[in-house]
Amino acid sequence: MVSKKELYQKLGKKSFLSDLIRVSAAIEYISGIPYFDKLLNGKSLKQINAVIQIEKYPKGILIRVAKLFSSYSYGISYNEIRNIEITNSLEPTIIFHLKNNETINFLIVRNRISELIEFLDKTHLKYETKIVAEISNEKTTMTKKDLNQIYNLRKRKK
């Protein structure tokens, strides 16, 4: 557990007038934060009546497990993030790839993908989107570039 002072040192302190940029209950925690693993103790967020909130700070993002009258926070500074990958499939995920080669993994609540992408855009975090399609029980991963190439090929054939 980290103190508020340590979080502010890592993420910067927001001014009173700064915009609140936050998304709540759009993702479900999977793995990658030992503090959250210990807190959940093998249970889901639903089982402990909690949600994940992600909030923009000047030098990073705060990821919080929020329960009724308590919360448990974890901060990631922008310069710790190598890249962010969003996989749009039957079970969409967002993965934060950190520079220390660790990953933090979340399941995206299906009808909340656009809200999460809007949050990432407002924080100016770059992300890669992959679309995974199931073709005869095999998973195929395609990036936006792949899909655009397929679209352009089809367009040329007409």
Protein backbone atom coordinates (compact mmCIF):
# COMPACT_ATOMS: atom_id res chain seq x y z
CA MET A 1 0.00 0.00 0.00
CA VAL A 2 1.27 3.46 -0.88
CA SER A 3 0.47 6.68 0.92
CA LYS A 4 -1.25 9.66 -0.70
CA LYS A 5 2.03 11.55 -0.46
CA GLU A 6 3.84 8.83 -2.45
CA LEU A 7 1.04 8.80 -5.07
CA TYR A 8 1.24 12.60 -5.43
CA GLN A 9 5.03 12.38 -5.86
CA LYS A 10 4.61 9.79 -8.60
CA LEU A 11 1.50 11.19 -10.35
CA GLY A 12 1.60 14.89 -9.50
CA LYS A 13 -1.06 16.74 -7.57
CA LYS A 14 -4.14 18.04 -9.33
CA SER A 15 -5.14 21.63 -8.82
CA PHE A 16 -8.55 22.47 -7.40
CA LEU A 17 -9.70 23.82 -10.78
CA SER A 18 -8.37 20.98 -12.94
CA ASP A 19 -10.87 18.95 -14.94
CA LEU A 20 -11.88 15.60 -13.50
CA ILE A 21 -11.09 13.03 -16.17
CA ARG A 22 -12.18 9.64 -14.88
CA VAL A 23 -13.88 6.50 -16.03
CA SER A 24 -15.64 4.21 -13.55
CA ALA A 25 -16.84 0.62 -13.82
CA ALA A 26 -15.69 0.32 -17.46
CA ILE A 27 -13.07 -2.35 -16.76
CA GLU A 28 -12.67 -5.44 -14.61
CA TYR A 29 -9.27 -6.19 -13.07
CA ILE A 30 -7.57 -9.39 -14.27
CA SER A 31 -3.93 -9.29 -13.13
CA GLY A 32 -0.66 -7.40 -12.81
CA ILE A 33 -1.02 -5.38 -9.59
CA PRO A 34 0.09 -7.48 -6.60
CA TYR A 35 -1.63 -5.06 -4.19
CA PHE A 36 -4.98 -5.67 -5.94
CA ASP A 37 -4.35 -9.43 -6.11
CA LYS A 38 -3.90 -9.48 -2.34
CA LEU A 39 -6.97 -7.30 -1.80
CA LEU A 40 -9.20 -9.47 -4.00
CA ASN A 41 -7.79 -12.73 -2.61
CA GLY A 42 -9.10 -14.75 -5.56
CA LYS A 43 -12.50 -13.03 -5.65
CA SER A 44 -13.95 -10.85 -8.39
CA LEU A 45 -14.74 -7.15 -8.00
CA LYS A 46 -18.43 -8.05 -8.11
CA GLN A 47 -18.01 -10.47 -5.21
CA ILE A 48 -16.53 -7.73 -3.01
CA ASN A 49 -18.99 -5.06 -4.29
CA ALA A 50 -16.30 -2.89 -5.86
CA VAL A 51 -15.50 -1.24 -9.20
CA ILE A 52 -12.33 -0.03 -10.91
CA GLN A 53 -11.89 3.68 -11.51
CA ILE A 54 -9.14 5.18 -13.66
CA GLU A 55 -8.35 8.85 -13.22
CA LYS A 56 -6.00 11.23 -15.06
CA TYR A 57 -3.32 13.00 -13.03
CA PRO A 58 -0.67 15.46 -14.29
CA LYS A 59 2.13 12.85 -14.47
CA GLY A 60 0.20 9.57 -14.75
CA ILE A 61 -2.98 7.66 -14.07
CA LEU A 62 -4.48 6.48 -10.82
CA ILE A 63 -6.15 3.06 -10.84
CA ARG A 64 -8.49 2.60 -7.92
CA VAL A 65 -10.55 -0.26 -6.51
CA ALA A 66 -13.54 1.65 -5.13
CA LYS A 67 -15.83 0.08 -2.57
CA LEU A 68 -18.74 1.65 -0.71
CA PHE A 69 -16.81 3.89 1.72
CA SER A 70 -13.21 2.96 0.94
CA SER A 71 -10.79 2.81 -1.95
CA TYR A 72 -7.44 1.23 -2.73
CA SER A 73 -5.17 3.08 -5.14
CA TYR A 74 -2.30 2.27 -7.47
CA GLY A 75 -0.47 4.81 -9.62
CA ILE A 76 1.31 4.46 -12.94
CA SER A 77 3.39 7.38 -14.19
CA TYR A 78 3.24 8.11 -17.91
CA ASN A 79 6.94 7.37 -18.33
CA GLU A 80 6.47 3.84 -16.89
CA ILE A 81 4.08 2.91 -19.73
CA ARG A 82 5.71 1.39 -22.83
CA ASN A 83 2.43 0.96 -24.71
CA ILE A 84 -1.27 0.20 -24.28
CA GLU A 85 -3.06 -2.49 -26.24
CA ILE A 86 -6.82 -2.76 -26.62
CA THR A 87 -8.06 -6.03 -28.04
CA ASN A 88 -11.59 -5.94 -29.37
CA SER A 89 -12.93 -9.48 -29.34
CA LEU A 90 -15.71 -11.45 -27.69
CA GLU A 91 -13.99 -10.56 -24.42
CA PRO A 92 -12.31 -7.18 -25.04
CA THR A 93 -9.23 -6.38 -22.96
CA ILE A 94 -6.89 -3.51 -22.24
CA ILE A 95 -3.29 -4.30 -21.40
CA PHE A 96 -0.81 -1.76 -20.05
CA HIS A 97 2.68 -2.88 -21.12
CA LEU A 98 5.17 -1.31 -18.73
CA LYS A 99 8.82 -0.52 -19.47
CA ASN A 100 9.92 -3.02 -16.81
CA ASN A 101 8.32 -5.76 -19.00
CA GLU A 102 5.38 -6.27 -16.63
CA THR A 103 1.77 -6.05 -17.79
CA ILE A 104 -1.42 -4.90 -16.10
CA ASN A 105 -4.50 -6.59 -17.56
CA PHE A 106 -8.16 -5.65 -17.51
CA LEU A 107 -11.31 -6.98 -19.13
CA ILE A 108 -13.34 -4.19 -20.74
CA VAL A 109 -17.05 -4.10 -20.01
CA ARG A 110 -18.39 -4.58 -23.54
CA ASN A 111 -20.67 -1.54 -23.81
CA ARG A 112 -18.01 0.74 -22.25
CA ILE A 113 -15.21 0.47 -24.84
CA SER A 114 -15.92 3.87 -26.40
CA GLU A 115 -15.94 5.53 -22.97
CA LEU A 116 -12.55 3.98 -22.17
CA ILE A 117 -11.10 5.07 -25.52
CA GLU A 118 -12.41 8.61 -24.92
CA PHE A 119 -10.62 8.59 -21.53
CA LEU A 120 -7.35 7.47 -23.16
CA ASP A 121 -7.71 10.17 -25.82
CA LYS A 122 -8.26 12.85 -23.15
CA THR A 123 -5.15 11.69 -21.28
CA HIS A 124 -3.19 11.73 -24.57
CA LEU A 125 -2.14 8.12 -23.99
CA LYS A 126 -1.38 6.34 -27.24
CA TYR A 127 -2.87 2.89 -27.68
CA GLU A 128 -2.96 0.18 -30.28
CA THR A 129 -6.25 -1.47 -31.17
CA LYS A 130 -6.36 -5.09 -32.27
CA ILE A 131 -9.45 -6.80 -33.53
CA VAL A 132 -9.57 -10.51 -32.85
CA ALA A 133 -11.96 -12.52 -34.98
CA GLU A 134 -12.79 -16.16 -34.49
CA ILE A 135 -12.62 -18.03 -37.77
CA SER A 136 -13.49 -21.73 -37.52
CA ASN A 137 -12.29 -21.98 -33.91
CA GLU A 138 -8.99 -20.22 -34.66
CA LYS A 139 -8.27 -16.74 -33.37
CA THR A 140 -6.87 -14.24 -35.84
CA THR A 141 -5.52 -10.89 -34.69
CA MET A 142 -5.82 -7.91 -37.00
CA THR A 143 -4.75 -4.34 -36.40
CA LYS A 144 -6.54 -1.28 -37.77
CA LYS A 145 -3.89 -1.17 -40.50
CA ASP A 146 -4.73 -4.78 -41.50
CA LEU A 147 -8.43 -3.99 -41.64
CA ASN A 148 -7.83 -0.86 -43.74
CA GLN A 149 -5.72 -2.90 -46.20
CA ILE A 150 -8.49 -5.51 -46.52
CA TYR A 151 -11.06 -2.74 -47.02
CA ASN A 152 -8.93 -1.06 -49.70
CA LEU A 153 -8.39 -4.38 -51.53
CA ARG A 154 -12.11 -5.06 -51.55
CA LYS A 155 -12.78 -1.52 -52.73
CA ARG A 156 -10.31 -1.91 -55.64
CA LYS A 157 -11.92 -5.16 -56.78
CA LYS A 158 -15.33 -3.47 -57.26
